[in-house]
Amino acid sequence: MWGFIGRFITTNWILFTTLSVGWEILELYLPYEFAIESTINKISDLIVNTVGFWIGLRLRYSSNQI
């Protein structure tokens, strides 16, 4: 998802960070089964989100150079 957003929608790192960290914080307070995760899983989610967004940005910039 973040790769798509980085590729086609926005290049704003502040917006990405706010949404990504905000979602992980929101999951702490959601009373649903899917939101229950360990701390290491939340950290790995943030890392994977960042890598996906970065790859999306790289694809955006590499396609502009063609």
C-alpha atoms as a PDB file:
ATOM      1  CA  MET A   1       0.000   0.000   0.000  1.00  0.00           C
ATOM      2  CA  TRP A   2       2.702   2.511   0.942  1.00  0.00           C
ATOM      3  CA  GLY A   3       4.643   1.723  -2.213  1.00  0.00           C
ATOM      4  CA  PHE A   4       1.578   2.623  -4.284  1.00  0.00           C
ATOM      5  CA  ILE A   5       1.048   5.821  -2.295  1.00  0.00           C
ATOM      6  CA  GLY A   6       4.696   6.823  -2.697  1.00  0.00           C
ATOM      7  CA  ARG A   7       4.617   6.016  -6.413  1.00  0.00           C
ATOM      8  CA  PHE A   8       1.353   7.630  -7.448  1.00  0.00           C
ATOM      9  CA  ILE A   9      -0.063   9.910  -4.743  1.00  0.00           C
ATOM     10  CA  THR A  10       2.374  11.851  -2.550  1.00  0.00           C
ATOM     11  CA  THR A  11       6.062  12.391  -1.841  1.00  0.00           C
ATOM     12  CA  ASN A  12       5.513  14.051   1.522  1.00  0.00           C
ATOM     13  CA  TRP A  13       7.543  12.268   4.219  1.00  0.00           C
ATOM     14  CA  ILE A  14       5.846  14.208   7.027  1.00  0.00           C
ATOM     15  CA  LEU A  15       2.399  13.066   5.904  1.00  0.00           C
ATOM     16  CA  PHE A  16       3.628   9.483   5.552  1.00  0.00           C
ATOM     17  CA  THR A  17       5.200   9.478   9.022  1.00  0.00           C
ATOM     18  CA  THR A  18       2.131  11.025  10.630  1.00  0.00           C
ATOM     19  CA  LEU A  19      -0.241   8.498   9.068  1.00  0.00           C
ATOM     20  CA  SER A  20       1.982   5.501   9.662  1.00  0.00           C
ATOM     21  CA  VAL A  21       2.800   6.253  13.305  1.00  0.00           C
ATOM     22  CA  GLY A  22      -0.739   7.505  13.914  1.00  0.00           C
ATOM     23  CA  TRP A  23      -2.211   4.201  12.746  1.00  0.00           C
ATOM     24  CA  GLU A  24       0.094   2.225  15.033  1.00  0.00           C
ATOM     25  CA  ILE A  25      -0.934   4.408  17.985  1.00  0.00           C
ATOM     26  CA  LEU A  26      -4.612   4.056  17.073  1.00  0.00           C
ATOM     27  CA  GLU A  27      -4.213   0.271  17.072  1.00  0.00           C
ATOM     28  CA  LEU A  28      -3.243   0.461  20.746  1.00  0.00           C
ATOM     29  CA  TYR A  29      -6.723   1.746  21.586  1.00  0.00           C
ATOM     30  CA  LEU A  30      -8.909  -0.195  19.149  1.00  0.00           C
ATOM     31  CA  PRO A  31     -10.904  -2.913  20.913  1.00  0.00           C
ATOM     32  CA  TYR A  32     -10.653  -5.389  18.022  1.00  0.00           C
ATOM     33  CA  GLU A  33      -8.711  -8.634  17.700  1.00  0.00           C
ATOM     34  CA  PHE A  34      -6.737  -7.546  14.600  1.00  0.00           C
ATOM     35  CA  ALA A  35      -5.283  -4.566  16.464  1.00  0.00           C
ATOM     36  CA  ILE A  36      -3.624  -6.621  19.200  1.00  0.00           C
ATOM     37  CA  GLU A  37       0.082  -6.861  18.359  1.00  0.00           C
ATOM     38  CA  SER A  38       3.362  -7.075  20.190  1.00  0.00           C
ATOM     39  CA  THR A  39       5.689  -4.088  20.350  1.00  0.00           C
ATOM     40  CA  ILE A  40       8.215  -5.734  18.032  1.00  0.00           C
ATOM     41  CA  ASN A  41       5.464  -6.294  15.456  1.00  0.00           C
ATOM     42  CA  LYS A  42       4.491  -2.609  15.589  1.00  0.00           C
ATOM     43  CA  ILE A  43       8.133  -1.608  15.094  1.00  0.00           C
ATOM     44  CA  SER A  44       8.500  -4.013  12.172  1.00  0.00           C
ATOM     45  CA  ASP A  45       5.283  -2.582  10.667  1.00  0.00           C
ATOM     46  CA  LEU A  46       6.832   0.887  10.749  1.00  0.00           C
ATOM     47  CA  ILE A  47      10.036  -0.393   9.139  1.00  0.00           C
ATOM     48  CA  VAL A  48       8.161  -2.223   6.369  1.00  0.00           C
ATOM     49  CA  ASN A  49       5.927   0.830   5.787  1.00  0.00           C
ATOM     50  CA  THR A  50       9.010   3.039   5.444  1.00  0.00           C
ATOM     51  CA  VAL A  51      10.693   0.654   3.010  1.00  0.00           C
ATOM     52  CA  GLY A  52       7.501   0.430   0.936  1.00  0.00           C
ATOM     53  CA  PHE A  53       7.125   4.202   0.781  1.00  0.00           C
ATOM     54  CA  TRP A  54      10.808   4.623  -0.111  1.00  0.00           C
ATOM     55  CA  ILE A  55      10.530   2.057  -2.934  1.00  0.00           C
ATOM     56  CA  GLY A  56       7.431   3.835  -4.228  1.00  0.00           C
ATOM     57  CA  LEU A  57       9.334   7.127  -4.279  1.00  0.00           C
ATOM     58  CA  ARG A  58      12.272   5.509  -6.076  1.00  0.00           C
ATOM     59  CA  LEU A  59       9.919   4.108  -8.721  1.00  0.00           C
ATOM     60  CA  ARG A  60       8.339   7.530  -9.162  1.00  0.00           C
ATOM     61  CA  TYR A  61      11.671   9.241  -9.694  1.00  0.00           C
ATOM     62  CA  SER A  62      13.118   6.507 -11.910  1.00  0.00           C
ATOM     63  CA  SER A  63      10.099   6.619 -14.234  1.00  0.00           C
ATOM     64  CA  ASN A  64      10.428  10.402 -14.551  1.00  0.00           C
ATOM     65  CA  GLN A  65      13.960  10.022 -15.913  1.00  0.00           C
ATOM     66  CA  ILE A  66      12.921   7.809 -18.849  1.00  0.00           C
END
